[in-house]
């Protein structure tokens, strides 16, 4: 396939993608605004299921462990059983040469992003 043919096939797809992304961004912003309003209404009620006409609003709050507070209260030298040891990717990259590193690299699926055009 020639470069011209490829360009001809990609151009309408890029336009469609740009339009779809713009619509998605607009819809996402509107959904975020509505969620903020709902969050404000439910702030004093907490997590739960709330009937809203034909819909049910599910309000939940993640409870995550604050690892900095845990580390301060349970230092790793005193409580090593609470900690995992795992390789540091930065240190592995620095230690292994590119040839050795190749054995440990995975390749993801292609990610498609739309950039600004030149025209």
Foldseek 3Di string as FASTA:
>chain_A
DDPVVVCVVVVVVLVVVVVVVVVVVVVVVVVVVVVVVVCVVCVVPAADWDDDPVDIDGDHDDDDDDVVVVCVVQPCVRVVVVDDDDDDPVVVPVVDDPVVCVVVDDDDPDDDDRDDDPD
